[in-house]
Amino acid sequence: MAAHDPSRPTLYYDGACPVCAREIALYRRQPGAEALHWVDAARCEPAELGIGLSRQAALAALHLRQPDGSLVAGASAFAALWLALPRWRWLGRLFSAPAGAFLLEHAYRAFLALRPLWRRAQPTR
């Protein structure tokens, strides 16, 4: 894994969730993916999570840390991720708008309610 560059957005995802891992793998193959720093919160060292993000929170929902240090979570993290990927930017713009953000947040919460059914148990560090 490349060294972390704080001038790039950092995406924190749950690599122990098979559905999440497959989706993130898709995004990592996209043009522009090299502009992000990707952190598997299920397997990273605690220091990789940075200030203000616990492993528990990072595993509970997708998070993206902007280069200014601010964190966005859940549906907002997806919109920020999509905005960073050229082929997905249109979706990021759509779901950054208030109505789109509202719909995406509710859909993401429904997914989060089902996600424990798929998540593999991981040893704690």
Protein backbone atom coordinates (compact mmCIF):
# COMPACT_ATOMS: atom_id res chain seq x y z
CA MET A 1 0.00 0.00 0.00
CA ALA A 2 1.30 3.46 -0.86
CA ALA A 3 2.15 5.85 1.94
CA HIS A 4 -0.68 8.08 3.05
CA ASP A 5 -0.67 11.52 1.49
CA PRO A 6 -2.87 13.89 3.55
CA SER A 7 -3.55 16.00 0.45
CA ARG A 8 -5.69 13.14 -0.92
CA PRO A 9 -9.11 12.07 0.35
CA THR A 10 -8.99 8.89 2.47
CA LEU A 11 -11.79 6.34 2.26
CA TYR A 12 -12.33 4.03 5.25
CA TYR A 13 -14.31 0.88 4.43
CA ASP A 14 -15.13 -2.46 6.04
CA GLY A 15 -13.11 -5.05 4.14
CA ALA A 16 -14.59 -7.81 6.35
CA CYS A 17 -17.98 -7.26 4.72
CA PRO A 18 -18.00 -9.26 1.47
CA VAL A 19 -20.54 -6.95 -0.17
CA CYS A 20 -18.58 -3.86 0.89
CA ALA A 21 -15.25 -5.36 -0.20
CA ARG A 22 -16.60 -6.19 -3.68
CA GLU A 23 -18.03 -2.71 -4.11
CA ILE A 24 -14.80 -1.03 -2.99
CA ALA A 25 -12.81 -3.29 -5.35
CA LEU A 26 -14.99 -1.99 -8.19
CA TYR A 27 -14.26 1.64 -7.25
CA ARG A 28 -10.52 0.96 -6.86
CA ARG A 29 -10.36 -0.21 -10.49
CA GLN A 30 -11.89 3.05 -11.78
CA PRO A 31 -9.94 5.84 -13.43
CA GLY A 32 -9.09 8.40 -10.77
CA ALA A 33 -8.97 5.84 -7.92
CA GLU A 34 -5.27 6.55 -7.44
CA ALA A 35 -6.27 10.03 -6.21
CA LEU A 36 -7.71 8.46 -3.05
CA HIS A 37 -6.09 6.70 -0.13
CA TRP A 38 -7.97 3.45 0.64
CA VAL A 39 -8.00 2.07 4.21
CA ASP A 40 -9.56 -1.26 5.18
CA ALA A 41 -10.77 -0.41 8.67
CA ALA A 42 -11.14 -4.10 9.55
CA ARG A 43 -7.44 -4.76 9.06
CA CYS A 44 -5.54 -1.48 9.43
CA GLU A 45 -3.42 -0.35 12.33
CA PRO A 46 -5.33 1.96 14.70
CA ALA A 47 -3.11 4.93 13.77
CA GLU A 48 -4.27 4.69 10.13
CA LEU A 49 -7.77 5.73 11.21
CA GLY A 50 -6.52 9.16 12.21
CA ILE A 51 -7.95 11.64 14.65
CA GLY A 52 -11.63 11.43 15.50
CA LEU A 53 -12.39 8.06 13.89
CA SER A 54 -12.59 4.90 15.97
CA ARG A 55 -12.41 1.44 14.45
CA GLN A 56 -15.97 0.81 15.68
CA ALA A 57 -17.27 3.88 13.84
CA ALA A 58 -15.23 3.10 10.72
CA LEU A 59 -16.67 -0.42 10.61
CA ALA A 60 -20.21 0.78 11.25
CA ALA A 61 -20.41 2.95 8.11
CA LEU A 62 -18.34 4.19 5.21
CA HIS A 63 -16.24 7.26 6.07
CA LEU A 64 -14.24 9.64 3.92
CA ARG A 65 -11.71 12.11 5.32
CA GLN A 66 -11.28 15.16 3.13
CA PRO A 67 -7.80 16.67 2.68
CA ASP A 68 -8.79 19.43 5.14
CA GLY A 69 -9.22 16.71 7.81
CA SER A 70 -13.02 16.80 7.95
CA LEU A 71 -14.88 13.49 8.00
CA VAL A 72 -18.07 12.60 6.19
CA ALA A 73 -19.91 9.37 6.86
CA GLY A 74 -22.61 7.17 5.42
CA ALA A 75 -24.39 8.38 2.31
CA SER A 76 -22.37 11.60 2.32
CA ALA A 77 -19.17 9.53 2.13
CA PHE A 78 -20.53 7.72 -0.92
CA ALA A 79 -21.39 11.01 -2.60
CA ALA A 80 -17.89 12.35 -1.83
CA LEU A 81 -16.32 9.14 -3.18
CA TRP A 82 -18.34 9.34 -6.39
CA LEU A 83 -17.42 12.99 -6.83
CA ALA A 84 -13.73 11.97 -6.69
CA LEU A 85 -14.10 9.35 -9.46
CA PRO A 86 -14.57 10.83 -12.95
CA ARG A 87 -16.92 8.12 -14.25
CA TRP A 88 -19.06 8.34 -11.11
CA ARG A 89 -19.06 12.12 -10.70
CA TRP A 90 -22.56 12.47 -12.15
CA LEU A 91 -23.88 10.18 -9.41
CA GLY A 92 -22.00 12.17 -6.77
CA ARG A 93 -23.59 15.38 -7.98
CA LEU A 94 -27.04 13.78 -8.04
CA PHE A 95 -26.74 12.46 -4.49
CA SER A 96 -25.07 15.58 -3.13
CA ALA A 97 -28.23 17.56 -3.86
CA PRO A 98 -30.64 17.69 -0.89
CA ALA A 99 -33.33 15.38 -2.34
CA GLY A 100 -30.75 12.88 -3.59
CA ALA A 101 -28.87 12.95 -0.28
CA PHE A 102 -32.11 12.28 1.60
CA LEU A 103 -32.95 9.26 -0.58
CA LEU A 104 -29.42 7.86 -0.50
CA GLU A 105 -29.19 8.21 3.29
CA HIS A 106 -32.39 6.20 3.76
CA ALA A 107 -31.29 3.53 1.29
CA TYR A 108 -27.87 3.31 2.99
CA ARG A 109 -29.46 2.95 6.43
CA ALA A 110 -31.58 0.06 5.10
CA PHE A 111 -28.42 -1.58 3.76
CA LEU A 112 -26.66 -1.08 7.12
CA ALA A 113 -29.53 -2.87 8.87
CA LEU A 114 -28.96 -5.93 6.67
CA ARG A 115 -25.16 -5.80 6.50
CA PRO A 116 -24.47 -7.78 9.70
CA LEU A 117 -25.89 -10.82 7.92
CA TRP A 118 -22.96 -10.73 5.48
CA ARG A 119 -20.10 -9.41 7.57
CA ARG A 120 -17.38 -11.94 8.44
CA ALA A 121 -16.09 -12.05 11.99
CA GLN A 122 -12.59 -10.57 12.29
CA PRO A 123 -10.13 -10.86 15.14
CA THR A 124 -9.72 -7.62 17.06
CA ARG A 125 -6.35 -5.97 17.32
